Amino acid sequence: MGNPDRKAEIRASAAEVFASKGFDGASIRDVAKAADMSLAGLYYYYRSKDEILFDIQNEAFTTLLDGHAEALAGIKDPEEKLQKVIEGHLAFFSANLASMKVMSRESEALPGELGAPVRELRRRYVRLLRGILDELGVDHPLHEIKTGVAVFLLFGMMNWMYTWYDEERDGSAADLADAVRLIFLRGLLRRP
């Protein structure tokens, strides 16, 4: 319903509001004000704050998963696959820090049926990383760590960048991806 570009603008404004006030602390009026529109105008596009949060999370996960599928096409080496996923994740979120903050802090905020599709997308993302780490096999230093634990440790490294990342100070998303991959796969001390 409505203009897709306007919906994208509303999502971006809502992400900023939810990131600064928290989902529970933000009102639909706050979102309308940030989007520079009337409350009635906002209701033309969205019936509730929950629907906006759904669209923010759904759009982000769908964009990430589609981007990863494209980036991984034809790649066989699991380390290269892991690098591509890390790069894609960090590139997307460095350009969308408010959305990342909302996704990290509000991952369980959507109720019941509205949250189910987002939870499934999140599970797909976890399965993607789990599959890549499984491909690394027992020859890799990760063999001593349970794959599920390793997946969530990796997400932890990547998802909290919104709390500290500054491109001028910390380098590009690609530089950050290299650092994450090296620390994750080889450790700070780089011992076998």
N, C-alpha and C. Protein backbone atom coordinates (compact mmCIF):
# COMPACT_ATOMS: atom_id res chain seq x y z
N MET A 1 0.84 -1.18 0.00
CA MET A 1 0.00 0.00 0.00
C MET A 1 0.89 1.24 0.00
N GLY A 2 0.52 2.22 -0.82
CA GLY A 2 1.23 3.48 -0.82
C GLY A 2 2.53 3.43 -1.59
N ASN A 3 3.24 4.52 -1.54
CA ASN A 3 4.50 4.72 -2.24
C ASN A 3 5.62 3.95 -1.52
N PRO A 4 6.28 3.01 -2.23
CA PRO A 4 7.35 2.23 -1.56
C PRO A 4 8.51 3.10 -1.09
N ASP A 5 8.82 4.17 -1.82
CA ASP A 5 9.89 5.06 -1.39
C ASP A 5 9.52 5.77 -0.09
N ARG A 6 8.26 6.17 0.02
CA ARG A 6 7.82 6.84 1.24
C ARG A 6 7.85 5.87 2.41
N LYS A 7 7.48 4.61 2.16
CA LYS A 7 7.55 3.60 3.23
C LYS A 7 9.00 3.42 3.68
N ALA A 8 9.93 3.44 2.74
CA ALA A 8 11.34 3.32 3.09
C ALA A 8 11.79 4.51 3.94
N GLU A 9 11.31 5.70 3.60
CA GLU A 9 11.64 6.89 4.39
C GLU A 9 11.07 6.77 5.80
N ILE A 10 9.85 6.26 5.91
CA ILE A 10 9.23 6.07 7.22
C ILE A 10 10.03 5.06 8.03
N ARG A 11 10.42 3.94 7.39
CA ARG A 11 11.23 2.93 8.09
C ARG A 11 12.53 3.53 8.61
N ALA A 12 13.19 4.33 7.77
CA ALA A 12 14.46 4.93 8.18
C ALA A 12 14.23 5.89 9.36
N SER A 13 13.19 6.70 9.29
CA SER A 13 12.88 7.61 10.40
C SER A 13 12.53 6.82 11.66
N ALA A 14 11.72 5.78 11.49
CA ALA A 14 11.33 4.95 12.64
C ALA A 14 12.54 4.27 13.26
N ALA A 15 13.46 3.80 12.43
CA ALA A 15 14.67 3.15 12.96
C ALA A 15 15.45 4.13 13.83
N GLU A 16 15.55 5.37 13.39
CA GLU A 16 16.24 6.39 14.19
C GLU A 16 15.52 6.62 15.52
N VAL A 17 14.21 6.71 15.48
CA VAL A 17 13.42 6.93 16.69
C VAL A 17 13.55 5.74 17.63
N PHE A 18 13.36 4.51 17.09
CA PHE A 18 13.44 3.32 17.93
C PHE A 18 14.84 3.14 18.49
N ALA A 19 15.86 3.51 17.70
CA ALA A 19 17.24 3.39 18.18
C ALA A 19 17.52 4.36 19.32
N SER A 20 16.94 5.54 19.26
CA SER A 20 17.24 6.52 20.31
C SER A 20 16.34 6.38 21.53
N LYS A 21 15.07 6.02 21.33
CA LYS A 21 14.13 5.95 22.45
C LYS A 21 13.81 4.53 22.90
N GLY A 22 14.22 3.55 22.10
CA GLY A 22 13.79 2.17 22.35
C GLY A 22 12.41 1.98 21.77
N PHE A 23 12.09 0.77 21.39
CA PHE A 23 10.80 0.50 20.77
C PHE A 23 9.66 0.81 21.73
N ASP A 24 9.78 0.34 22.97
CA ASP A 24 8.71 0.57 23.94
C ASP A 24 8.57 2.04 24.31
N GLY A 25 9.67 2.77 24.31
CA GLY A 25 9.63 4.18 24.69
C GLY A 25 9.20 5.12 23.58
N ALA A 26 9.16 4.63 22.36
CA ALA A 26 8.78 5.46 21.22
C ALA A 26 7.29 5.35 20.97
N SER A 27 6.72 6.41 20.48
CA SER A 27 5.30 6.39 20.12
C SER A 27 5.16 6.51 18.61
N ILE A 28 3.99 6.18 18.13
CA ILE A 28 3.70 6.33 16.70
C ILE A 28 3.75 7.81 16.32
N ARG A 29 3.41 8.69 17.27
CA ARG A 29 3.52 10.13 17.03
C ARG A 29 4.98 10.55 16.85
N ASP A 30 5.88 9.94 17.63
CA ASP A 30 7.31 10.23 17.47
C ASP A 30 7.78 9.87 16.07
N VAL A 31 7.30 8.74 15.58
CA VAL A 31 7.69 8.30 14.23
C VAL A 31 7.13 9.26 13.19
N ALA A 32 5.87 9.64 13.33
CA ALA A 32 5.26 10.56 12.37
C ALA A 32 6.03 11.89 12.34
N LYS A 33 6.38 12.39 13.52
CA LYS A 33 7.13 13.65 13.60
C LYS A 33 8.49 13.51 12.93
N ALA A 34 9.19 12.42 13.20
CA ALA A 34 10.51 12.20 12.60
C ALA A 34 10.42 12.04 11.08
N ALA A 35 9.32 11.46 10.61
CA ALA A 35 9.12 11.27 9.17
C ALA A 35 8.54 12.53 8.52
N ASP A 36 8.30 13.57 9.33
CA ASP A 36 7.77 14.84 8.84
C ASP A 36 6.43 14.65 8.11
N MET A 37 5.54 13.97 8.83
CA MET A 37 4.21 13.74 8.26
C MET A 37 3.18 13.74 9.37
N SER A 38 1.94 13.85 8.97
CA SER A 38 0.86 13.82 9.97
C SER A 38 0.66 12.39 10.46
N LEU A 39 0.01 12.27 11.59
CA LEU A 39 -0.31 10.96 12.12
C LEU A 39 -1.24 10.22 11.15
N ALA A 40 -2.21 10.93 10.60
CA ALA A 40 -3.11 10.31 9.62
C ALA A 40 -2.33 9.84 8.39
N GLY A 41 -1.36 10.64 7.96
CA GLY A 41 -0.53 10.25 6.82
C GLY A 41 0.27 8.98 7.12
N LEU A 42 0.79 8.89 8.32
CA LEU A 42 1.53 7.69 8.71
C LEU A 42 0.62 6.47 8.72
N TYR A 43 -0.60 6.64 9.23
CA TYR A 43 -1.54 5.53 9.29
C TYR A 43 -1.98 5.07 7.90
N TYR A 44 -1.80 5.89 6.90
CA TYR A 44 -2.06 5.46 5.53
C TYR A 44 -1.09 4.33 5.14
N TYR A 45 0.14 4.42 5.65
CA TYR A 45 1.19 3.43 5.32
C TYR A 45 1.27 2.30 6.33
N TYR A 46 1.09 2.62 7.59
CA TYR A 46 1.25 1.63 8.66
C TYR A 46 0.13 1.77 9.68
N ARG A 47 -0.41 0.64 10.11
CA ARG A 47 -1.48 0.66 11.11
C ARG A 47 -0.95 0.70 12.53
N SER A 48 0.32 0.32 12.72
CA SER A 48 0.84 0.26 14.08
C SER A 48 2.36 0.36 14.09
N LYS A 49 2.86 0.63 15.27
CA LYS A 49 4.30 0.63 15.50
C LYS A 49 4.88 -0.76 15.25
N ASP A 50 4.14 -1.80 15.62
CA ASP A 50 4.58 -3.18 15.39
C ASP A 50 4.81 -3.46 13.91
N GLU A 51 3.91 -2.95 13.06
CA GLU A 51 4.06 -3.16 11.61
C GLU A 51 5.33 -2.48 11.09
N ILE A 52 5.63 -1.31 11.64
CA ILE A 52 6.85 -0.62 11.20
C ILE A 52 8.08 -1.42 11.63
N LEU A 53 8.09 -1.88 12.88
CA LEU A 53 9.21 -2.69 13.35
C LEU A 53 9.35 -3.96 12.52
N PHE A 54 8.22 -4.58 12.21
CA PHE A 54 8.26 -5.76 11.34
C PHE A 54 8.95 -5.42 10.02
N ASP A 55 8.54 -4.33 9.39
CA ASP A 55 9.13 -3.97 8.10
C ASP A 55 10.62 -3.66 8.22
N ILE A 56 11.03 -3.00 9.29
CA ILE A 56 12.46 -2.72 9.49
C ILE A 56 13.24 -4.03 9.55
N GLN A 57 12.78 -4.96 10.38
CA GLN A 57 13.50 -6.22 10.56
C GLN A 57 13.39 -7.10 9.32
N ASN A 58 12.20 -7.20 8.75
CA ASN A 58 12.00 -8.03 7.57
C ASN A 58 12.87 -7.54 6.41
N GLU A 59 12.86 -6.23 6.18
CA GLU A 59 13.65 -5.64 5.09
C GLU A 59 15.14 -5.90 5.31
N ALA A 60 15.61 -5.71 6.53
CA ALA A 60 17.04 -5.91 6.80
C ALA A 60 17.45 -7.36 6.59
N PHE A 61 16.71 -8.30 7.18
CA PHE A 61 17.07 -9.72 7.02
C PHE A 61 16.96 -10.17 5.57
N THR A 62 15.91 -9.72 4.88
CA THR A 62 15.74 -10.11 3.48
C THR A 62 16.87 -9.56 2.63
N THR A 63 17.22 -8.30 2.85
CA THR A 63 18.32 -7.69 2.10
C THR A 63 19.64 -8.42 2.37
N LEU A 64 19.90 -8.72 3.63
CA LEU A 64 21.12 -9.45 3.99
C LEU A 64 21.16 -10.83 3.34
N LEU A 65 20.10 -11.60 3.49
CA LEU A 65 20.08 -12.96 2.96
C LEU A 65 20.18 -12.97 1.44
N ASP A 66 19.46 -12.06 0.78
CA ASP A 66 19.55 -11.98 -0.69
C ASP A 66 20.95 -11.57 -1.13
N GLY A 67 21.53 -10.61 -0.43
CA GLY A 67 22.89 -10.18 -0.75
C GLY A 67 23.91 -11.28 -0.54
N HIS A 68 23.74 -12.05 0.54
CA HIS A 68 24.66 -13.17 0.79
C HIS A 68 24.52 -14.23 -0.29
N ALA A 69 23.29 -14.55 -0.69
CA ALA A 69 23.08 -15.56 -1.73
C ALA A 69 23.80 -15.15 -3.01
N GLU A 70 23.69 -13.89 -3.36
CA GLU A 70 24.36 -13.39 -4.57
C GLU A 70 25.88 -13.42 -4.42
N ALA A 71 26.38 -12.97 -3.27
CA ALA A 71 27.83 -12.91 -3.04
C ALA A 71 28.46 -14.30 -2.97
N LEU A 72 27.70 -15.29 -2.49
CA LEU A 72 28.26 -16.63 -2.30
C LEU A 72 28.12 -17.53 -3.53
N ALA A 73 27.38 -17.07 -4.52
CA ALA A 73 27.16 -17.90 -5.70
C ALA A 73 28.50 -18.29 -6.34
N GLY A 74 28.71 -19.58 -6.48
CA GLY A 74 29.91 -20.09 -7.13
C GLY A 74 31.15 -20.19 -6.24
N ILE A 75 31.09 -19.72 -5.02
CA ILE A 75 32.26 -19.79 -4.13
C ILE A 75 32.25 -21.15 -3.43
N LYS A 76 33.38 -21.81 -3.45
CA LYS A 76 33.50 -23.13 -2.83
C LYS A 76 34.24 -23.08 -1.49
N ASP A 77 35.24 -22.22 -1.37
CA ASP A 77 36.08 -22.17 -0.18
C ASP A 77 35.31 -21.60 1.01
N PRO A 78 35.18 -22.36 2.12
CA PRO A 78 34.40 -21.87 3.25
C PRO A 78 34.97 -20.61 3.91
N GLU A 79 36.29 -20.45 3.91
CA GLU A 79 36.85 -19.22 4.48
C GLU A 79 36.48 -18.01 3.64
N GLU A 80 36.47 -18.18 2.33
CA GLU A 80 36.06 -17.09 1.45
C GLU A 80 34.57 -16.80 1.63
N LYS A 81 33.77 -17.85 1.81
CA LYS A 81 32.34 -17.66 2.08
C LYS A 81 32.14 -16.86 3.37
N LEU A 82 32.88 -17.26 4.40
CA LEU A 82 32.76 -16.57 5.68
C LEU A 82 33.15 -15.10 5.52
N GLN A 83 34.21 -14.83 4.80
CA GLN A 83 34.64 -13.45 4.56
C GLN A 83 33.54 -12.65 3.86
N LYS A 84 32.91 -13.25 2.86
CA LYS A 84 31.85 -12.56 2.12
C LYS A 84 30.65 -12.25 3.03
N VAL A 85 30.28 -13.20 3.88
CA VAL A 85 29.15 -12.97 4.79
C VAL A 85 29.49 -11.87 5.79
N ILE A 86 30.68 -11.92 6.35
CA ILE A 86 31.09 -10.89 7.31
C ILE A 86 31.11 -9.53 6.61
N GLU A 87 31.72 -9.45 5.42
CA GLU A 87 31.77 -8.19 4.68
C GLU A 87 30.37 -7.66 4.39
N GLY A 88 29.49 -8.54 3.92
CA GLY A 88 28.13 -8.11 3.60
C GLY A 88 27.38 -7.62 4.82
N HIS A 89 27.53 -8.35 5.92
CA HIS A 89 26.86 -7.98 7.17
C HIS A 89 27.34 -6.61 7.64
N LEU A 90 28.65 -6.44 7.72
CA LEU A 90 29.20 -5.19 8.24
C LEU A 90 28.98 -4.02 7.29
N ALA A 91 29.03 -4.27 5.99
CA ALA A 91 28.77 -3.20 5.02
C ALA A 91 27.33 -2.72 5.14
N PHE A 92 26.40 -3.66 5.23
CA PHE A 92 24.99 -3.29 5.35
C PHE A 92 24.74 -2.50 6.62
N PHE A 93 25.25 -3.00 7.73
CA PHE A 93 24.95 -2.34 8.99
C PHE A 93 25.77 -1.08 9.23
N SER A 94 26.95 -0.97 8.63
CA SER A 94 27.67 0.30 8.78
C SER A 94 26.93 1.41 8.05
N ALA A 95 26.19 1.05 7.03
CA ALA A 95 25.37 2.03 6.30
C ALA A 95 23.99 2.22 6.94
N ASN A 96 23.63 1.35 7.87
CA ASN A 96 22.31 1.37 8.50
C ASN A 96 22.43 1.15 10.01
N LEU A 97 23.23 1.97 10.68
CA LEU A 97 23.51 1.75 12.09
C LEU A 97 22.26 1.79 12.96
N ALA A 98 21.31 2.67 12.65
CA ALA A 98 20.08 2.73 13.46
C ALA A 98 19.30 1.43 13.33
N SER A 99 19.20 0.90 12.11
CA SER A 99 18.50 -0.38 11.91
C SER A 99 19.20 -1.50 12.66
N MET A 100 20.54 -1.47 12.65
CA MET A 100 21.28 -2.50 13.36
C MET A 100 21.00 -2.43 14.86
N LYS A 101 20.98 -1.23 15.39
CA LYS A 101 20.70 -1.05 16.80
C LYS A 101 19.31 -1.58 17.14
N VAL A 102 18.35 -1.26 16.30
CA VAL A 102 16.98 -1.73 16.51
C VAL A 102 16.91 -3.25 16.43
N MET A 103 17.56 -3.82 15.43
CA MET A 103 17.53 -5.28 15.29
C MET A 103 18.21 -5.98 16.45
N SER A 104 19.30 -5.41 16.93
CA SER A 104 20.01 -6.03 18.05
C SER A 104 19.23 -5.92 19.36
N ARG A 105 18.64 -4.75 19.60
CA ARG A 105 17.96 -4.52 20.87
C ARG A 105 16.50 -4.98 20.88
N GLU A 106 15.88 -5.02 19.73
CA GLU A 106 14.44 -5.30 19.67
C GLU A 106 14.14 -6.61 18.96
N SER A 107 15.06 -7.56 19.01
CA SER A 107 14.91 -8.80 18.25
C SER A 107 13.71 -9.63 18.68
N GLU A 108 13.26 -9.46 19.91
CA GLU A 108 12.12 -10.24 20.40
C GLU A 108 10.87 -9.38 20.65
N ALA A 109 10.86 -8.16 20.15
CA ALA A 109 9.77 -7.24 20.45
C ALA A 109 8.48 -7.53 19.68
N LEU A 110 8.58 -8.20 18.55
CA LEU A 110 7.38 -8.44 17.75
C LEU A 110 6.58 -9.61 18.30
N PRO A 111 5.30 -9.39 18.51
CA PRO A 111 4.46 -10.45 19.08
C PRO A 111 4.03 -11.49 18.04
N GLY A 112 3.75 -12.70 18.52
CA GLY A 112 3.10 -13.78 17.79
C GLY A 112 3.29 -13.86 16.30
N GLU A 113 2.16 -13.79 15.60
CA GLU A 113 2.16 -13.99 14.15
C GLU A 113 3.01 -12.96 13.41
N LEU A 114 3.03 -11.73 13.88
CA LEU A 114 3.81 -10.70 13.22
C LEU A 114 5.32 -10.98 13.35
N GLY A 115 5.71 -11.56 14.47
CA GLY A 115 7.12 -11.86 14.68
C GLY A 115 7.59 -13.15 14.03
N ALA A 116 6.67 -14.06 13.72
CA ALA A 116 7.05 -15.38 13.19
C ALA A 116 7.89 -15.31 11.91
N PRO A 117 7.51 -14.51 10.91
CA PRO A 117 8.34 -14.46 9.70
C PRO A 117 9.74 -13.91 9.96
N VAL A 118 9.85 -12.96 10.87
CA VAL A 118 11.16 -12.39 11.19
C VAL A 118 12.01 -13.43 11.92
N ARG A 119 11.38 -14.16 12.84
CA ARG A 119 12.14 -15.22 13.54
C ARG A 119 12.63 -16.27 12.55
N GLU A 120 11.82 -16.59 11.54
CA GLU A 120 12.25 -17.57 10.52
C GLU A 120 13.41 -17.02 9.70
N LEU A 121 13.37 -15.76 9.34
CA LEU A 121 14.49 -15.15 8.62
C LEU A 121 15.76 -15.19 9.47
N ARG A 122 15.61 -14.89 10.75
CA ARG A 122 16.76 -14.94 11.67
C ARG A 122 17.32 -16.36 11.74
N ARG A 123 16.43 -17.36 11.81
CA ARG A 123 16.90 -18.77 11.82
C ARG A 123 17.61 -19.12 10.53
N ARG A 124 17.11 -18.63 9.40
CA ARG A 124 17.79 -18.87 8.11
C ARG A 124 19.20 -18.29 8.12
N TYR A 125 19.33 -17.11 8.70
CA TYR A 125 20.64 -16.47 8.76
C TYR A 125 21.59 -17.27 9.64
N VAL A 126 21.10 -17.75 10.77
CA VAL A 126 21.91 -18.59 11.64
C VAL A 126 22.30 -19.87 10.92
N ARG A 127 21.36 -20.49 10.21
CA ARG A 127 21.68 -21.72 9.47
C ARG A 127 22.73 -21.47 8.39
N LEU A 128 22.67 -20.32 7.74
CA LEU A 128 23.67 -19.98 6.73
C LEU A 128 25.06 -19.97 7.35
N LEU A 129 25.21 -19.26 8.45
CA LEU A 129 26.53 -19.20 9.11
C LEU A 129 26.94 -20.55 9.67
N ARG A 130 25.99 -21.26 10.26
CA ARG A 130 26.29 -22.59 10.80
C ARG A 130 26.81 -23.50 9.67
N GLY A 131 26.18 -23.46 8.52
CA GLY A 131 26.61 -24.28 7.39
C GLY A 131 28.02 -23.95 6.94
N ILE A 132 28.34 -22.66 6.90
CA ILE A 132 29.69 -22.26 6.51
C ILE A 132 30.70 -22.74 7.53
N LEU A 133 30.40 -22.57 8.81
CA LEU A 133 31.33 -23.02 9.85
C LEU A 133 31.47 -24.53 9.84
N ASP A 134 30.38 -25.25 9.57
CA ASP A 134 30.48 -26.71 9.44
C ASP A 134 31.39 -27.09 8.29
N GLU A 135 31.35 -26.33 7.19
CA GLU A 135 32.22 -26.59 6.05
C GLU A 135 33.69 -26.42 6.38
N LEU A 136 33.99 -25.56 7.35
CA LEU A 136 35.39 -25.37 7.74
C LEU A 136 35.99 -26.68 8.26
N GLY A 137 35.15 -27.50 8.87
CA GLY A 137 35.57 -28.84 9.25
C GLY A 137 36.51 -28.92 10.43
N VAL A 138 36.93 -30.13 10.72
CA VAL A 138 37.76 -30.41 11.89
C VAL A 138 39.20 -29.97 11.72
N ASP A 139 39.61 -29.62 10.53
CA ASP A 139 40.99 -29.18 10.33
C ASP A 139 41.21 -27.75 10.79
N HIS A 140 40.14 -27.10 11.16
CA HIS A 140 40.23 -25.70 11.55
C HIS A 140 40.24 -25.58 13.07
N PRO A 141 40.89 -24.53 13.62
CA PRO A 141 40.91 -24.36 15.07
C PRO A 141 39.53 -24.28 15.72
N LEU A 142 38.49 -24.01 14.94
CA LEU A 142 37.15 -23.94 15.52
C LEU A 142 36.63 -25.31 15.94
N HIS A 143 37.34 -26.38 15.60
CA HIS A 143 36.82 -27.72 15.89
C HIS A 143 36.63 -27.97 17.38
N GLU A 144 37.27 -27.17 18.23
CA GLU A 144 37.12 -27.35 19.67
C GLU A 144 35.93 -26.59 20.24
N ILE A 145 35.29 -25.77 19.43
CA ILE A 145 34.16 -24.96 19.88
C ILE A 145 32.91 -25.47 19.18
N LYS A 146 31.82 -25.60 19.93
CA LYS A 146 30.57 -26.02 19.32
C LYS A 146 30.17 -25.01 18.25
N THR A 147 29.70 -25.52 17.12
CA THR A 147 29.37 -24.64 16.00
C THR A 147 28.32 -23.61 16.38
N GLY A 148 27.28 -24.01 17.11
CA GLY A 148 26.25 -23.05 17.52
C GLY A 148 26.82 -21.92 18.36
N VAL A 149 27.73 -22.26 19.26
CA VAL A 149 28.37 -21.25 20.09
C VAL A 149 29.20 -20.31 19.22
N ALA A 150 29.95 -20.88 18.28
CA ALA A 150 30.78 -20.07 17.39
C ALA A 150 29.93 -19.11 16.56
N VAL A 151 28.79 -19.59 16.07
CA VAL A 151 27.90 -18.74 15.27
C VAL A 151 27.47 -17.52 16.07
N PHE A 152 27.01 -17.74 17.31
CA PHE A 152 26.51 -16.61 18.09
C PHE A 152 27.64 -15.72 18.60
N LEU A 153 28.83 -16.27 18.80
CA LEU A 153 29.98 -15.42 19.13
C LEU A 153 30.30 -14.50 17.95
N LEU A 154 30.25 -15.05 16.75
CA LEU A 154 30.50 -14.24 15.55
C LEU A 154 29.45 -13.14 15.42
N PHE A 155 28.17 -13.50 15.58
CA PHE A 155 27.14 -12.47 15.54
C PHE A 155 27.39 -11.41 16.62
N GLY A 156 27.82 -11.84 17.80
CA GLY A 156 28.12 -10.88 18.85
C GLY A 156 29.20 -9.89 18.44
N MET A 157 30.23 -10.39 17.77
CA MET A 157 31.29 -9.50 17.30
C MET A 157 30.75 -8.49 16.30
N MET A 158 29.88 -8.95 15.42
CA MET A 158 29.41 -8.09 14.34
C MET A 158 28.26 -7.17 14.76
N ASN A 159 27.35 -7.67 15.58
CA ASN A 159 26.12 -6.94 15.83
C ASN A 159 26.23 -5.78 16.80
N TRP A 160 27.28 -5.74 17.59
CA TRP A 160 27.38 -4.66 18.56
C TRP A 160 28.24 -3.51 18.06
N MET A 161 28.60 -3.54 16.78
CA MET A 161 29.42 -2.47 16.23
C MET A 161 28.72 -1.11 16.32
N TYR A 162 27.40 -1.11 16.37
CA TYR A 162 26.69 0.16 16.44
C TYR A 162 27.04 0.94 17.70
N THR A 163 27.56 0.26 18.73
CA THR A 163 27.87 0.94 19.99
C THR A 163 29.20 1.69 19.93
N TRP A 164 30.05 1.38 18.94
CA TRP A 164 31.37 2.00 18.94
C TRP A 164 31.89 2.40 17.57
N TYR A 165 31.34 1.88 16.49
CA TYR A 165 31.94 2.05 15.17
C TYR A 165 31.86 3.48 14.66
N ASP A 166 32.99 3.96 14.16
CA ASP A 166 33.10 5.25 13.49
C ASP A 166 34.04 5.03 12.30
N GLU A 167 33.53 5.19 11.10
CA GLU A 167 34.33 4.87 9.91
C GLU A 167 35.62 5.67 9.82
N GLU A 168 35.58 6.94 10.17
CA GLU A 168 36.80 7.76 10.11
C GLU A 168 37.88 7.23 11.05
N ARG A 169 37.47 6.82 12.22
CA ARG A 169 38.42 6.35 13.24
C ARG A 169 38.79 4.88 13.02
N ASP A 170 37.80 4.05 12.66
CA ASP A 170 37.98 2.60 12.67
C ASP A 170 38.21 1.97 11.31
N GLY A 171 38.10 2.74 10.24
CA GLY A 171 38.31 2.20 8.91
C GLY A 171 36.99 1.79 8.27
N SER A 172 37.09 1.33 7.05
CA SER A 172 35.90 0.95 6.29
C SER A 172 35.29 -0.34 6.82
N ALA A 173 34.09 -0.62 6.35
CA ALA A 173 33.44 -1.88 6.72
C ALA A 173 34.27 -3.07 6.24
N ALA A 174 34.93 -2.94 5.10
CA ALA A 174 35.79 -4.02 4.59
C ALA A 174 36.98 -4.24 5.52
N ASP A 175 37.58 -3.15 6.02
CA ASP A 175 38.68 -3.26 6.98
C ASP A 175 38.21 -3.96 8.25
N LEU A 176 37.03 -3.57 8.71
CA LEU A 176 36.46 -4.17 9.91
C LEU A 176 36.18 -5.66 9.68
N ALA A 177 35.68 -6.00 8.49
CA ALA A 177 35.40 -7.40 8.16
C ALA A 177 36.68 -8.24 8.21
N ASP A 178 37.78 -7.69 7.70
CA ASP A 178 39.06 -8.41 7.77
C ASP A 178 39.45 -8.66 9.22
N ALA A 179 39.30 -7.65 10.07
CA ALA A 179 39.66 -7.80 11.48
C ALA A 179 38.78 -8.85 12.16
N VAL A 180 37.49 -8.81 11.91
CA VAL A 180 36.58 -9.78 12.51
C VAL A 180 36.95 -11.19 12.06
N ARG A 181 37.17 -11.37 10.77
CA ARG A 181 37.52 -12.70 10.25
C ARG A 181 38.82 -13.20 10.88
N LEU A 182 39.83 -12.35 10.95
CA LEU A 182 41.11 -12.78 11.51
C LEU A 182 41.00 -13.14 12.99
N ILE A 183 40.32 -12.30 13.75
CA ILE A 183 40.17 -12.59 15.18
C ILE A 183 39.32 -13.84 15.36
N PHE A 184 38.25 -13.95 14.60
CA PHE A 184 37.34 -15.08 14.75
C PHE A 184 38.02 -16.39 14.37
N LEU A 185 38.73 -16.41 13.26
CA LEU A 185 39.32 -17.66 12.78
C LEU A 185 40.68 -17.98 13.39
N ARG A 186 41.44 -16.97 13.73
CA ARG A 186 42.81 -17.23 14.17
C ARG A 186 43.10 -16.77 15.59
N GLY A 187 42.27 -15.94 16.15
CA GLY A 187 42.48 -15.48 17.51
C GLY A 187 43.48 -14.34 17.58
N LEU A 188 43.44 -13.62 18.65
CA LEU A 188 44.35 -12.47 18.80
C LEU A 188 45.80 -12.90 18.88
N LEU A 189 46.06 -14.03 19.52
CA LEU A 189 47.45 -14.47 19.69
C LEU A 189 47.94 -15.27 18.50
N ARG A 190 47.05 -15.65 17.61
CA ARG A 190 47.38 -16.42 16.41
C ARG A 190 48.20 -17.67 16.73
N ARG A 191 47.81 -18.33 17.78
CA ARG A 191 48.45 -19.60 18.10
C ARG A 191 47.59 -20.74 17.56
N PRO A 192 48.20 -21.86 17.18
CA PRO A 192 47.41 -22.98 16.65
C PRO A 192 46.48 -23.57 17.69
